[in-house]
Amino acid sequence: MRRKVTAAGVQEFMKELARAARSPGKVYFTGGTTALLLGFREQTIDIDLKLDPEPEGAFEAIAVLKNRLNLSVELASPDDFIPPANDWRERSRHIASIGAVEFFHYDFSLQALSKIERGHTQDLEDVSRLLCGGYVTAEELKRRFAQIEPELLRYPALDPQQFKKKLEDFLRNAQDHE
């Protein structure tokens, strides 16, 4: 059983991954890792990330680091669950550059939409915090949904109407709690 991930654990992981990289690259954190680094949580179960472009040596480093640091690492991002928008890279917020590796938060609006679609309690709490913290707005989430909606057919497990209803219900509830 791996230990829970803390902000300090993510920082250590970032430094060690950058040290092991043999080429430039970008790491996009998502999910619980973003929530942790933004201060929404004190711990998470794993480090969720996407490599794009992949720093040479990253996978070898991850294999070593997950054992040495006793952390779970998952290659997961919103585009595994919902369509990506063309500008997700530009809309991803920079965290740090360490050596030749740049670290980012994956586009907050797409993270929020994927969490709303999934609908777990912790996910919805994270989205509420993204809204309250000004990282995303209700209007932005509606616009981003409209932007990716035509591509939802490429994700057969998703029901576009149900996804839209989840978004509308979430935003209505969030508005009621303001």
Protein backbone atom coordinates (compact mmCIF):
# COMPACT_ATOMS: atom_id res chain seq x y z
CA MET A 1 0.00 0.00 0.00
CA ARG A 2 1.44 3.35 -1.08
CA ARG A 3 1.42 6.33 1.24
CA LYS A 4 -0.91 9.25 0.63
CA VAL A 5 0.53 12.05 -1.47
CA THR A 6 1.12 15.44 0.16
CA ALA A 7 2.19 18.74 -1.39
CA ALA A 8 5.73 18.07 -0.14
CA GLY A 9 5.62 14.67 -1.85
CA VAL A 10 4.59 16.27 -5.14
CA GLN A 11 7.41 18.84 -4.83
CA GLU A 12 9.93 16.07 -4.22
CA PHE A 13 8.53 14.08 -7.15
CA MET A 14 8.85 17.15 -9.42
CA LYS A 15 12.48 17.75 -8.45
CA GLU A 16 13.46 14.11 -8.88
CA LEU A 17 11.61 13.71 -12.19
CA ALA A 18 13.26 16.87 -13.56
CA ARG A 19 16.67 15.66 -12.37
CA ALA A 20 16.19 12.34 -14.19
CA ALA A 21 14.88 13.85 -17.45
CA ARG A 22 17.31 13.69 -20.35
CA SER A 23 15.43 16.15 -22.56
CA PRO A 24 13.00 19.04 -22.22
CA GLY A 25 9.36 18.22 -21.69
CA LYS A 26 6.13 19.20 -20.01
CA VAL A 27 4.21 17.60 -17.17
CA TYR A 28 0.55 18.47 -16.65
CA PHE A 29 -0.90 17.68 -13.23
CA THR A 30 -4.59 16.92 -12.92
CA GLY A 31 -7.21 15.77 -10.47
CA GLY A 32 -6.23 15.35 -6.86
CA THR A 33 -2.73 16.60 -7.56
CA THR A 34 -4.08 19.95 -8.75
CA ALA A 35 -6.44 20.10 -5.76
CA LEU A 36 -3.52 19.37 -3.45
CA LEU A 37 -1.21 21.98 -4.97
CA LEU A 38 -3.96 24.62 -4.89
CA GLY A 39 -4.49 23.92 -1.19
CA PHE A 40 -7.95 22.34 -1.52
CA ARG A 41 -6.79 19.10 0.09
CA GLU A 42 -4.03 18.04 2.45
CA GLN A 43 -3.46 14.73 0.68
CA THR A 44 -4.51 12.66 -2.30
CA ILE A 45 -4.15 9.01 -3.23
CA ASP A 46 -1.95 9.44 -6.29
CA ILE A 47 -0.18 11.83 -8.61
CA ASP A 48 -2.27 12.20 -11.77
CA LEU A 49 -0.35 13.51 -14.75
CA LYS A 50 -0.02 13.80 -18.50
CA LEU A 51 3.32 14.11 -20.31
CA ASP A 52 3.24 16.26 -23.47
CA PRO A 53 5.84 16.32 -24.87
CA GLU A 54 7.30 13.55 -22.81
CA PRO A 55 10.70 14.33 -21.33
CA GLU A 56 13.11 11.59 -22.36
CA GLY A 57 13.63 9.26 -19.41
CA ALA A 58 10.36 10.24 -17.71
CA PHE A 59 8.84 6.76 -17.68
CA GLU A 60 12.02 5.19 -16.34
CA ALA A 61 12.14 7.89 -13.65
CA ILE A 62 8.48 7.38 -12.71
CA ALA A 63 9.05 3.63 -12.34
CA VAL A 64 11.89 4.30 -9.89
CA LEU A 65 10.32 7.26 -8.08
CA LYS A 66 6.99 5.62 -7.33
CA ASN A 67 8.88 2.94 -5.40
CA ARG A 68 11.56 5.13 -3.85
CA LEU A 69 9.05 7.78 -2.72
CA ASN A 70 6.34 5.16 -2.06
CA LEU A 71 3.79 7.09 -4.17
CA SER A 72 1.17 6.01 -6.69
CA VAL A 73 1.47 7.70 -10.07
CA GLU A 74 -1.30 7.54 -12.67
CA LEU A 75 -1.12 8.64 -16.29
CA ALA A 76 -4.54 10.27 -16.35
CA SER A 77 -5.94 13.54 -17.62
CA PRO A 78 -9.33 14.96 -18.55
CA ASP A 79 -8.84 13.98 -22.20
CA ASP A 80 -8.97 10.34 -21.12
CA PHE A 81 -12.61 10.96 -20.15
CA ILE A 82 -13.88 13.93 -22.17
CA PRO A 83 -12.78 15.56 -25.44
CA PRO A 84 -9.87 17.97 -25.13
CA ALA A 85 -10.26 21.51 -26.41
CA ASN A 86 -7.66 22.56 -28.99
CA ASP A 87 -6.22 25.21 -26.68
CA TRP A 88 -5.86 23.12 -23.51
CA ARG A 89 -2.06 23.54 -23.50
CA GLU A 90 -2.23 27.34 -23.70
CA ARG A 91 -4.86 27.39 -20.95
CA SER A 92 -2.84 25.20 -18.60
CA ARG A 93 -1.39 27.19 -15.70
CA HIS A 94 2.38 27.10 -15.18
CA ILE A 95 3.53 25.82 -11.79
CA ALA A 96 7.31 25.66 -12.08
CA SER A 97 10.24 25.04 -14.38
CA ILE A 98 12.88 22.74 -12.96
CA GLY A 99 15.82 22.12 -15.23
CA ALA A 100 14.45 21.42 -18.70
CA VAL A 101 11.06 20.22 -17.42
CA GLU A 102 8.07 22.50 -17.11
CA PHE A 103 5.20 21.65 -14.76
CA PHE A 104 1.61 22.83 -15.25
CA HIS A 105 -1.91 22.43 -13.96
CA TYR A 106 -3.92 20.93 -16.82
CA ASP A 107 -6.58 23.41 -18.07
CA PHE A 108 -8.80 24.09 -15.03
CA SER A 109 -12.04 24.29 -17.05
CA LEU A 110 -11.51 20.85 -18.61
CA GLN A 111 -10.53 19.40 -15.25
CA ALA A 112 -13.76 20.82 -13.81
CA LEU A 113 -15.90 19.44 -16.64
CA SER A 114 -14.38 15.97 -16.36
CA LYS A 115 -14.98 16.00 -12.60
CA ILE A 116 -18.59 17.12 -13.07
CA GLU A 117 -19.14 14.36 -15.60
CA ARG A 118 -17.70 11.77 -13.22
CA GLY A 119 -19.78 13.15 -10.39
CA HIS A 120 -17.99 11.78 -7.33
CA THR A 121 -18.51 13.79 -4.14
CA GLN A 122 -14.81 14.71 -3.83
CA ASP A 123 -14.72 15.73 -7.50
CA LEU A 124 -17.72 18.04 -7.09
CA GLU A 125 -16.16 19.58 -3.97
CA ASP A 126 -12.99 20.25 -5.98
CA VAL A 127 -15.01 21.96 -8.73
CA SER A 128 -16.82 24.08 -6.14
CA ARG A 129 -13.44 25.20 -4.85
CA LEU A 130 -12.22 25.95 -8.37
CA LEU A 131 -15.30 28.16 -8.80
CA CYS A 132 -15.02 29.84 -5.39
CA GLY A 133 -11.30 30.45 -5.90
CA GLY A 134 -11.87 32.10 -9.26
CA TYR A 135 -9.93 29.46 -11.20
CA VAL A 136 -13.00 28.91 -13.40
CA THR A 137 -16.35 30.64 -13.86
CA ALA A 138 -19.79 29.24 -14.56
CA GLU A 139 -19.84 31.02 -17.93
CA GLU A 140 -16.46 29.56 -18.83
CA LEU A 141 -17.66 26.05 -18.02
CA LYS A 142 -20.74 26.54 -20.21
CA ARG A 143 -18.57 27.86 -23.07
CA ARG A 144 -16.05 25.04 -22.74
CA PHE A 145 -18.83 22.46 -22.70
CA ALA A 146 -20.29 23.95 -25.89
CA GLN A 147 -16.82 23.86 -27.43
CA ILE A 148 -16.27 20.14 -26.74
CA GLU A 149 -19.89 19.01 -27.17
CA PRO A 150 -19.56 18.16 -30.91
CA GLU A 151 -16.67 15.80 -30.06
CA LEU A 152 -18.55 13.90 -27.34
CA LEU A 153 -19.60 11.31 -29.93
CA ARG A 154 -15.97 10.13 -29.89
CA TYR A 155 -16.52 9.07 -26.27
CA PRO A 156 -19.23 6.39 -26.55
CA ALA A 157 -19.38 5.84 -22.77
CA LEU A 158 -20.69 9.42 -22.39
CA ASP A 159 -24.28 10.46 -22.85
CA PRO A 160 -24.05 14.07 -24.08
CA GLN A 161 -27.53 15.00 -22.78
CA GLN A 162 -26.84 13.52 -19.37
CA PHE A 163 -23.44 15.26 -19.21
CA LYS A 164 -25.08 18.60 -20.08
CA LYS A 165 -27.71 18.01 -17.37
CA LYS A 166 -24.99 17.24 -14.81
CA LEU A 167 -23.30 20.53 -15.68
CA GLU A 168 -26.54 22.51 -15.50
CA ASP A 169 -27.51 20.88 -12.18
CA PHE A 170 -24.07 21.50 -10.72
CA LEU A 171 -24.07 25.16 -11.74
CA ARG A 172 -27.61 25.66 -10.43
CA ASN A 173 -26.62 24.13 -7.07
CA ALA A 174 -23.43 26.20 -6.95
CA GLN A 175 -25.42 29.35 -7.60
CA ASP A 176 -27.88 28.43 -4.82
CA HIS A 177 -24.97 28.17 -2.37
CA GLU A 178 -23.46 31.57 -3.14
